[in-house]
Each structure stands twice: as structure tokens, then as C-alpha cells.
Amino acid sequence: MSCGDSHGHCAEYIERLYVFIDNELAEADHDTIQQHLDECGDCLKEYDLETTVRALIKKSCAETAPDELRQRVLWSIRQVQITITES
């Protein structure tokens, strides 16, 4: 069953969705939001979208820079440090 915006309270759940996903809610609030997601297809779609985006970001952030790039960055940092020290 999808309640959509016609009930007017979905916005309240969407606002708290990020805290819900981060597991930073009290148990009672968590249960209330979970029940709403179980009953509201529109809010569940928002939840699914947010968790998918977060998973993609997490996966992208796990990559490491190539050694050559890291060495160039470190060299640039050292050059800035030398310039600051000499000033």
C-alpha cells in the first residue's frame, strides 16, 4: 500500500530517513519508520534509492590512487612545505 504525499506525513518520514539508514534513531522511532516503509511504497522507493547511492559512493571511495599519482601529490606537498618554510 502506498500512501504517497496524499497523507502529508511522508515528508516527515523522508526527513528522518537518513538518520534511520545510519542507525542513529531510538528503537521506538526506528520501529515506527520501519513500519511506515513496510506500508508505503513511495517512501520505500526513496529508501532504496538512498541506500543504493550510498553503496555506490562507498564502493567508489574504496579505490586507491596509482603509485605514480600518489608520488606526484606527495612531491607537490613537499614543495609547498619547503616554500612555506623558506618564507
C-alpha atoms as a PDB file:
ATOM      1  CA  MET A   1       0.000   0.000   0.000  1.00  0.00           C
ATOM      2  CA  SER A   2       1.420   3.372  -0.993  1.00  0.00           C
ATOM      3  CA  CYS A   3       0.419   6.461   0.947  1.00  0.00           C
ATOM      4  CA  GLY A   4       2.385   8.925  -1.179  1.00  0.00           C
ATOM      5  CA  ASP A   5       2.122  12.618  -0.383  1.00  0.00           C
ATOM      6  CA  SER A   6      -1.670  12.497  -0.063  1.00  0.00           C
ATOM      7  CA  HIS A   7      -1.407  11.843   3.683  1.00  0.00           C
ATOM      8  CA  GLY A   8       1.023  14.724   4.142  1.00  0.00           C
ATOM      9  CA  HIS A   9       3.191  12.922   6.687  1.00  0.00           C
ATOM     10  CA  CYS A  10       5.550  11.161   4.272  1.00  0.00           C
ATOM     11  CA  ALA A  11       7.756  14.266   4.242  1.00  0.00           C
ATOM     12  CA  GLU A  12       8.342  13.769   7.966  1.00  0.00           C
ATOM     13  CA  TYR A  13       9.499  10.194   7.377  1.00  0.00           C
ATOM     14  CA  ILE A  14      11.695  11.181   4.439  1.00  0.00           C
ATOM     15  CA  GLU A  15      13.400  13.822   6.608  1.00  0.00           C
ATOM     16  CA  ARG A  16      14.237  11.158   9.202  1.00  0.00           C
ATOM     17  CA  LEU A  17      15.173   8.540   6.613  1.00  0.00           C
ATOM     18  CA  TYR A  18      18.873   9.475   6.595  1.00  0.00           C
ATOM     19  CA  VAL A  19      19.119   9.076  10.356  1.00  0.00           C
ATOM     20  CA  PHE A  20      17.213   5.797  10.052  1.00  0.00           C
ATOM     21  CA  ILE A  21      19.684   4.482   7.454  1.00  0.00           C
ATOM     22  CA  ASP A  22      22.598   5.479   9.691  1.00  0.00           C
ATOM     23  CA  ASN A  23      21.023   3.552  12.614  1.00  0.00           C
ATOM     24  CA  GLU A  24      21.023   6.679  14.778  1.00  0.00           C
ATOM     25  CA  LEU A  25      17.411   6.534  15.970  1.00  0.00           C
ATOM     26  CA  ALA A  26      15.936   5.350  19.212  1.00  0.00           C
ATOM     27  CA  GLU A  27      14.415   1.877  18.894  1.00  0.00           C
ATOM     28  CA  ALA A  28      10.824   3.177  19.037  1.00  0.00           C
ATOM     29  CA  ASP A  29      11.474   5.702  16.260  1.00  0.00           C
ATOM     30  CA  HIS A  30      13.270   3.047  14.235  1.00  0.00           C
ATOM     31  CA  ASP A  31      10.300   0.705  14.535  1.00  0.00           C
ATOM     32  CA  THR A  32       7.871   3.477  13.543  1.00  0.00           C
ATOM     33  CA  ILE A  33       9.831   4.320  10.402  1.00  0.00           C
ATOM     34  CA  GLN A  34      10.281   0.646   9.536  1.00  0.00           C
ATOM     35  CA  GLN A  35       6.529   0.121   9.814  1.00  0.00           C
ATOM     36  CA  HIS A  36       5.913   3.127   7.569  1.00  0.00           C
ATOM     37  CA  LEU A  37       8.379   1.790   4.982  1.00  0.00           C
ATOM     38  CA  ASP A  38       6.613  -1.567   5.092  1.00  0.00           C
ATOM     39  CA  GLU A  39       3.315   0.169   4.271  1.00  0.00           C
ATOM     40  CA  CYS A  40       4.405   2.973   1.935  1.00  0.00           C
ATOM     41  CA  GLY A  41       5.807   2.086  -1.462  1.00  0.00           C
ATOM     42  CA  ASP A  42       6.779   5.692  -2.263  1.00  0.00           C
ATOM     43  CA  CYS A  43       8.889   6.088   0.864  1.00  0.00           C
ATOM     44  CA  LEU A  44      10.363   2.622   0.334  1.00  0.00           C
ATOM     45  CA  LYS A  45      11.488   3.750  -3.138  1.00  0.00           C
ATOM     46  CA  GLU A  46      13.232   6.754  -1.538  1.00  0.00           C
ATOM     47  CA  TYR A  47      14.880   4.429   0.975  1.00  0.00           C
ATOM     48  CA  ASP A  48      16.046   2.061  -1.777  1.00  0.00           C
ATOM     49  CA  LEU A  49      17.413   4.952  -3.842  1.00  0.00           C
ATOM     50  CA  GLU A  50      19.331   6.408  -0.895  1.00  0.00           C
ATOM     51  CA  THR A  51      20.840   3.068   0.126  1.00  0.00           C
ATOM     52  CA  THR A  52      21.844   2.370  -3.490  1.00  0.00           C
ATOM     53  CA  VAL A  53      23.539   5.757  -3.837  1.00  0.00           C
ATOM     54  CA  ARG A  54      25.371   5.257  -0.544  1.00  0.00           C
ATOM     55  CA  ALA A  55      26.570   1.814  -1.633  1.00  0.00           C
ATOM     56  CA  LEU A  56      27.889   3.218  -4.923  1.00  0.00           C
ATOM     57  CA  ILE A  57      29.697   6.029  -3.124  1.00  0.00           C
ATOM     58  CA  LYS A  58      31.205   3.601  -0.635  1.00  0.00           C
ATOM     59  CA  LYS A  59      32.388   1.340  -3.444  1.00  0.00           C
ATOM     60  CA  SER A  60      33.894   4.290  -5.346  1.00  0.00           C
ATOM     61  CA  CYS A  61      35.708   5.546  -2.274  1.00  0.00           C
ATOM     62  CA  ALA A  62      37.392   2.183  -1.734  1.00  0.00           C
ATOM     63  CA  GLU A  63      39.602   2.618  -4.791  1.00  0.00           C
ATOM     64  CA  THR A  64      43.203   3.744  -4.292  1.00  0.00           C
ATOM     65  CA  ALA A  65      45.220   6.110  -6.417  1.00  0.00           C
ATOM     66  CA  PRO A  66      48.037   4.702  -8.575  1.00  0.00           C
ATOM     67  CA  ASP A  67      51.522   4.888  -7.022  1.00  0.00           C
ATOM     68  CA  GLU A  68      52.754   7.383  -9.613  1.00  0.00           C
ATOM     69  CA  LEU A  69      49.923   9.797  -8.811  1.00  0.00           C
ATOM     70  CA  ARG A  70      50.474   9.451  -5.061  1.00  0.00           C
ATOM     71  CA  GLN A  71      54.186  10.169  -5.505  1.00  0.00           C
ATOM     72  CA  ARG A  72      53.438  13.308  -7.537  1.00  0.00           C
ATOM     73  CA  VAL A  73      50.987  14.525  -4.909  1.00  0.00           C
ATOM     74  CA  LEU A  74      53.474  13.887  -2.103  1.00  0.00           C
ATOM     75  CA  TRP A  75      56.203  15.695  -4.073  1.00  0.00           C
ATOM     76  CA  SER A  76      53.862  18.686  -4.575  1.00  0.00           C
ATOM     77  CA  ILE A  77      53.071  18.765  -0.859  1.00  0.00           C
ATOM     78  CA  ARG A  78      56.772  18.730  -0.008  1.00  0.00           C
ATOM     79  CA  GLN A  79      57.387  21.608  -2.428  1.00  0.00           C
ATOM     80  CA  VAL A  80      54.653  23.645  -0.756  1.00  0.00           C
ATOM     81  CA  GLN A  81      56.108  22.838   2.673  1.00  0.00           C
ATOM     82  CA  ILE A  82      59.568  23.963   1.539  1.00  0.00           C
ATOM     83  CA  THR A  83      58.131  27.178   0.106  1.00  0.00           C
ATOM     84  CA  ILE A  84      56.239  27.920   3.338  1.00  0.00           C
ATOM     85  CA  THR A  85      59.315  27.128   5.457  1.00  0.00           C
ATOM     86  CA  GLU A  86      61.509  29.428   3.366  1.00  0.00           C
ATOM     87  CA  SER A  87      59.020  32.308   3.584  1.00  0.00           C
END
